[in-house]
Amino acid sequence: MHPRYWILCGALLAAAGVAAGAFHSHGLEAFLNRRSPDPAANLARMERFELAVQYHLVHALGLVLCGLLGLYRPTLFVTLAGLAFLTGIALFSGGLYLRALGSDLPLPYLIPAGGVAYILGWLLAAVAALRSPGGSQGR
């Protein structure tokens, strides 16, 4: 995949993350209150949604980083890191969004699997950086 697509994907996902954050700030509480009268459960859902937004935004920037690393020197590690970040956003943040909105996940391990994908993405990005010119492997 051309590195500019990682940058594009990261930028679009960052925009979606900002939109999700705006929904959290301006509409989620009313949405949850219409669905459930339980303030404690709704507070937990609000916190879960906020965590999803935070991880979503950070890892959208990780995708931009993959694009920048790929422009510098495209490697398989950059591609794998980008795929791991996309997987993490879908599984971890997506799963938290769904749970915050009151949906039951059919597979309870989707969120932890997304967390593992996030960690793997950062490790792969580190390997890509080390293997780039000027890194310890490039000397």
C-alpha atoms as a PDB file:
ATOM      1  CA  MET A   1       0.000   0.000   0.000  1.00  0.00           C
ATOM      2  CA  HIS A   2       1.367   3.419  -0.882  1.00  0.00           C
ATOM      3  CA  PRO A   3       2.309   5.404   2.247  1.00  0.00           C
ATOM      4  CA  ARG A   4       0.021   8.286   1.373  1.00  0.00           C
ATOM      5  CA  TYR A   5      -2.953   5.947   1.885  1.00  0.00           C
ATOM      6  CA  TRP A   6      -1.915   5.401   5.502  1.00  0.00           C
ATOM      7  CA  ILE A   7      -1.805   9.173   5.942  1.00  0.00           C
ATOM      8  CA  LEU A   8      -5.200   9.540   4.259  1.00  0.00           C
ATOM      9  CA  CYS A   9      -6.698   6.730   6.333  1.00  0.00           C
ATOM     10  CA  GLY A  10      -5.241   8.190   9.544  1.00  0.00           C
ATOM     11  CA  ALA A  11      -6.533  11.667   8.736  1.00  0.00           C
ATOM     12  CA  LEU A  12     -10.033  10.383   7.945  1.00  0.00           C
ATOM     13  CA  LEU A  13     -10.109   8.257  11.083  1.00  0.00           C
ATOM     14  CA  ALA A  14      -8.881  11.233  13.124  1.00  0.00           C
ATOM     15  CA  ALA A  15     -11.772  13.282  11.718  1.00  0.00           C
ATOM     16  CA  ALA A  16     -14.153  10.480  12.683  1.00  0.00           C
ATOM     17  CA  GLY A  17     -12.597  10.415  16.154  1.00  0.00           C
ATOM     18  CA  VAL A  18     -13.162  14.145  16.579  1.00  0.00           C
ATOM     19  CA  ALA A  19     -16.776  13.654  15.475  1.00  0.00           C
ATOM     20  CA  ALA A  20     -17.165  10.832  18.016  1.00  0.00           C
ATOM     21  CA  GLY A  21     -15.693  13.111  20.678  1.00  0.00           C
ATOM     22  CA  ALA A  22     -18.160  15.834  19.756  1.00  0.00           C
ATOM     23  CA  PHE A  23     -21.004  13.334  20.035  1.00  0.00           C
ATOM     24  CA  HIS A  24     -19.671  12.338  23.446  1.00  0.00           C
ATOM     25  CA  SER A  25     -19.692  15.961  24.574  1.00  0.00           C
ATOM     26  CA  HIS A  26     -22.950  17.110  23.001  1.00  0.00           C
ATOM     27  CA  GLY A  27     -25.327  14.208  22.517  1.00  0.00           C
ATOM     28  CA  LEU A  28     -24.321  10.936  24.110  1.00  0.00           C
ATOM     29  CA  GLU A  29     -25.667  11.685  27.581  1.00  0.00           C
ATOM     30  CA  ALA A  30     -29.126  12.565  26.268  1.00  0.00           C
ATOM     31  CA  PHE A  31     -29.056   9.492  24.016  1.00  0.00           C
ATOM     32  CA  LEU A  32     -28.189   7.237  26.952  1.00  0.00           C
ATOM     33  CA  ASN A  33     -30.743   8.844  29.262  1.00  0.00           C
ATOM     34  CA  ARG A  34     -33.475   8.104  26.715  1.00  0.00           C
ATOM     35  CA  ARG A  35     -32.445   4.447  26.650  1.00  0.00           C
ATOM     36  CA  SER A  36     -31.829   3.865  30.361  1.00  0.00           C
ATOM     37  CA  PRO A  37     -32.832   5.700  33.545  1.00  0.00           C
ATOM     38  CA  ASP A  38     -29.833   4.276  35.460  1.00  0.00           C
ATOM     39  CA  PRO A  39     -27.368   7.164  36.086  1.00  0.00           C
ATOM     40  CA  ALA A  40     -24.534   4.887  37.256  1.00  0.00           C
ATOM     41  CA  ALA A  41     -24.770   2.674  34.180  1.00  0.00           C
ATOM     42  CA  ASN A  42     -24.916   5.729  31.920  1.00  0.00           C
ATOM     43  CA  LEU A  43     -21.852   7.255  33.602  1.00  0.00           C
ATOM     44  CA  ALA A  44     -19.945   4.016  32.981  1.00  0.00           C
ATOM     45  CA  ARG A  45     -21.067   4.073  29.340  1.00  0.00           C
ATOM     46  CA  MET A  46     -19.930   7.699  29.007  1.00  0.00           C
ATOM     47  CA  GLU A  47     -16.504   6.786  30.402  1.00  0.00           C
ATOM     48  CA  ARG A  48     -16.243   3.759  28.106  1.00  0.00           C
ATOM     49  CA  PHE A  49     -17.092   5.918  25.077  1.00  0.00           C
ATOM     50  CA  GLU A  50     -14.519   8.536  26.111  1.00  0.00           C
ATOM     51  CA  LEU A  51     -11.826   5.850  26.374  1.00  0.00           C
ATOM     52  CA  ALA A  52     -12.770   4.595  22.908  1.00  0.00           C
ATOM     53  CA  VAL A  53     -12.388   8.122  21.504  1.00  0.00           C
ATOM     54  CA  GLN A  54      -8.980   8.590  23.145  1.00  0.00           C
ATOM     55  CA  TYR A  55      -7.561   5.337  21.769  1.00  0.00           C
ATOM     56  CA  HIS A  56      -9.209   5.957  18.392  1.00  0.00           C
ATOM     57  CA  LEU A  57      -7.532   9.363  18.036  1.00  0.00           C
ATOM     58  CA  VAL A  58      -4.099   8.235  19.226  1.00  0.00           C
ATOM     59  CA  HIS A  59      -4.064   5.338  16.817  1.00  0.00           C
ATOM     60  CA  ALA A  60      -5.341   7.429  13.917  1.00  0.00           C
ATOM     61  CA  LEU A  61      -2.141   9.410  14.466  1.00  0.00           C
ATOM     62  CA  GLY A  62      -0.298   6.080  14.508  1.00  0.00           C
ATOM     63  CA  LEU A  63      -1.598   5.507  10.987  1.00  0.00           C
ATOM     64  CA  VAL A  64      -0.263   8.910   9.937  1.00  0.00           C
ATOM     65  CA  LEU A  65       3.074   7.887  11.459  1.00  0.00           C
ATOM     66  CA  CYS A  66       2.996   4.721   9.343  1.00  0.00           C
ATOM     67  CA  GLY A  67       2.502   6.856   6.265  1.00  0.00           C
ATOM     68  CA  LEU A  68       5.409   9.098   7.182  1.00  0.00           C
ATOM     69  CA  LEU A  69       7.649   6.116   7.922  1.00  0.00           C
ATOM     70  CA  GLY A  70       6.582   4.597   4.626  1.00  0.00           C
ATOM     71  CA  LEU A  71       7.424   7.766   2.716  1.00  0.00           C
ATOM     72  CA  TYR A  72      10.869   7.658   4.282  1.00  0.00           C
ATOM     73  CA  ARG A  73      11.378   3.969   3.538  1.00  0.00           C
ATOM     74  CA  PRO A  74       8.480   1.644   2.775  1.00  0.00           C
ATOM     75  CA  THR A  75       8.815  -1.765   4.409  1.00  0.00           C
ATOM     76  CA  LEU A  76       6.586  -4.679   5.226  1.00  0.00           C
ATOM     77  CA  PHE A  77       6.791  -3.616   8.882  1.00  0.00           C
ATOM     78  CA  VAL A  78       5.155  -0.268   8.053  1.00  0.00           C
ATOM     79  CA  THR A  79       2.320  -2.040   6.269  1.00  0.00           C
ATOM     80  CA  LEU A  80       1.845  -4.517   9.102  1.00  0.00           C
ATOM     81  CA  ALA A  81       1.869  -1.710  11.684  1.00  0.00           C
ATOM     82  CA  GLY A  82      -0.794   0.147   9.717  1.00  0.00           C
ATOM     83  CA  LEU A  83      -2.937  -2.972   9.471  1.00  0.00           C
ATOM     84  CA  ALA A  84      -2.533  -3.570  13.204  1.00  0.00           C
ATOM     85  CA  PHE A  85      -3.642  -0.002  13.994  1.00  0.00           C
ATOM     86  CA  LEU A  86      -6.674  -0.365  11.726  1.00  0.00           C
ATOM     87  CA  THR A  87      -7.547  -3.642  13.395  1.00  0.00           C
ATOM     88  CA  GLY A  88      -7.148  -2.082  16.824  1.00  0.00           C
ATOM     89  CA  ILE A  89      -9.402   0.841  15.980  1.00  0.00           C
ATOM     90  CA  ALA A  90     -12.062  -1.503  14.632  1.00  0.00           C
ATOM     91  CA  LEU A  91     -11.933  -4.045  17.457  1.00  0.00           C
ATOM     92  CA  PHE A  92     -10.918  -2.072  20.552  1.00  0.00           C
ATOM     93  CA  SER A  93     -12.447   1.340  19.938  1.00  0.00           C
ATOM     94  CA  GLY A  94     -15.298  -0.032  17.843  1.00  0.00           C
ATOM     95  CA  GLY A  95     -16.099  -2.604  20.500  1.00  0.00           C
ATOM     96  CA  LEU A  96     -16.048   0.019  23.246  1.00  0.00           C
ATOM     97  CA  TYR A  97     -18.290   2.302  21.172  1.00  0.00           C
ATOM     98  CA  LEU A  98     -20.795  -0.514  20.733  1.00  0.00           C
ATOM     99  CA  ARG A  99     -20.741  -1.464  24.408  1.00  0.00           C
ATOM    100  CA  ALA A 100     -21.098   2.185  25.450  1.00  0.00           C
ATOM    101  CA  LEU A 101     -24.150   2.512  23.233  1.00  0.00           C
ATOM    102  CA  GLY A 102     -25.719  -0.494  24.920  1.00  0.00           C
ATOM    103  CA  SER A 103     -24.983  -3.228  22.393  1.00  0.00           C
ATOM    104  CA  ASP A 104     -23.853  -6.671  23.486  1.00  0.00           C
ATOM    105  CA  LEU A 105     -20.821  -7.930  21.628  1.00  0.00           C
ATOM    106  CA  PRO A 106     -21.269 -11.381  20.117  1.00  0.00           C
ATOM    107  CA  LEU A 107     -17.624 -12.227  20.887  1.00  0.00           C
ATOM    108  CA  PRO A 108     -16.359 -10.923  24.237  1.00  0.00           C
ATOM    109  CA  TYR A 109     -12.698 -11.106  23.197  1.00  0.00           C
ATOM    110  CA  LEU A 110     -12.933  -8.519  20.414  1.00  0.00           C
ATOM    111  CA  ILE A 111     -11.958  -5.599  22.654  1.00  0.00           C
ATOM    112  CA  PRO A 112      -8.891  -7.311  24.200  1.00  0.00           C
ATOM    113  CA  ALA A 113      -7.846  -8.533  20.740  1.00  0.00           C
ATOM    114  CA  GLY A 114      -7.989  -4.914  19.567  1.00  0.00           C
ATOM    115  CA  GLY A 115      -5.763  -3.908  22.472  1.00  0.00           C
ATOM    116  CA  VAL A 116      -3.238  -6.541  21.438  1.00  0.00           C
ATOM    117  CA  ALA A 117      -3.411  -5.202  17.867  1.00  0.00           C
ATOM    118  CA  TYR A 118      -2.623  -1.702  19.164  1.00  0.00           C
ATOM    119  CA  ILE A 119       0.434  -2.974  21.051  1.00  0.00           C
ATOM    120  CA  LEU A 120       1.571  -4.991  18.043  1.00  0.00           C
ATOM    121  CA  GLY A 121       1.171  -1.929  15.823  1.00  0.00           C
ATOM    122  CA  TRP A 122       3.485   0.131  17.991  1.00  0.00           C
ATOM    123  CA  LEU A 123       6.049  -2.664  18.148  1.00  0.00           C
ATOM    124  CA  LEU A 124       5.966  -3.049  14.369  1.00  0.00           C
ATOM    125  CA  ALA A 125       6.314   0.739  13.956  1.00  0.00           C
ATOM    126  CA  ALA A 126       9.376   0.601  16.212  1.00  0.00           C
ATOM    127  CA  VAL A 127      10.900  -2.168  14.092  1.00  0.00           C
ATOM    128  CA  ALA A 128      10.143  -0.176  10.940  1.00  0.00           C
ATOM    129  CA  ALA A 129      11.885   2.862  12.434  1.00  0.00           C
ATOM    130  CA  LEU A 130      14.948   0.797  13.405  1.00  0.00           C
ATOM    131  CA  ARG A 131      15.171  -0.722   9.929  1.00  0.00           C
ATOM    132  CA  SER A 132      14.989   2.639   8.166  1.00  0.00           C
ATOM    133  CA  PRO A 133      18.107   4.423   6.868  1.00  0.00           C
ATOM    134  CA  GLY A 134      19.933   6.046   9.754  1.00  0.00           C
ATOM    135  CA  GLY A 135      18.545   3.519  12.234  1.00  0.00           C
ATOM    136  CA  SER A 136      20.838   1.022  13.937  1.00  0.00           C
ATOM    137  CA  GLN A 137      20.180  -1.518  11.151  1.00  0.00           C
ATOM    138  CA  GLY A 138      20.951   1.021   8.416  1.00  0.00           C
ATOM    139  CA  ARG A 139      24.560   1.705   9.450  1.00  0.00           C
END
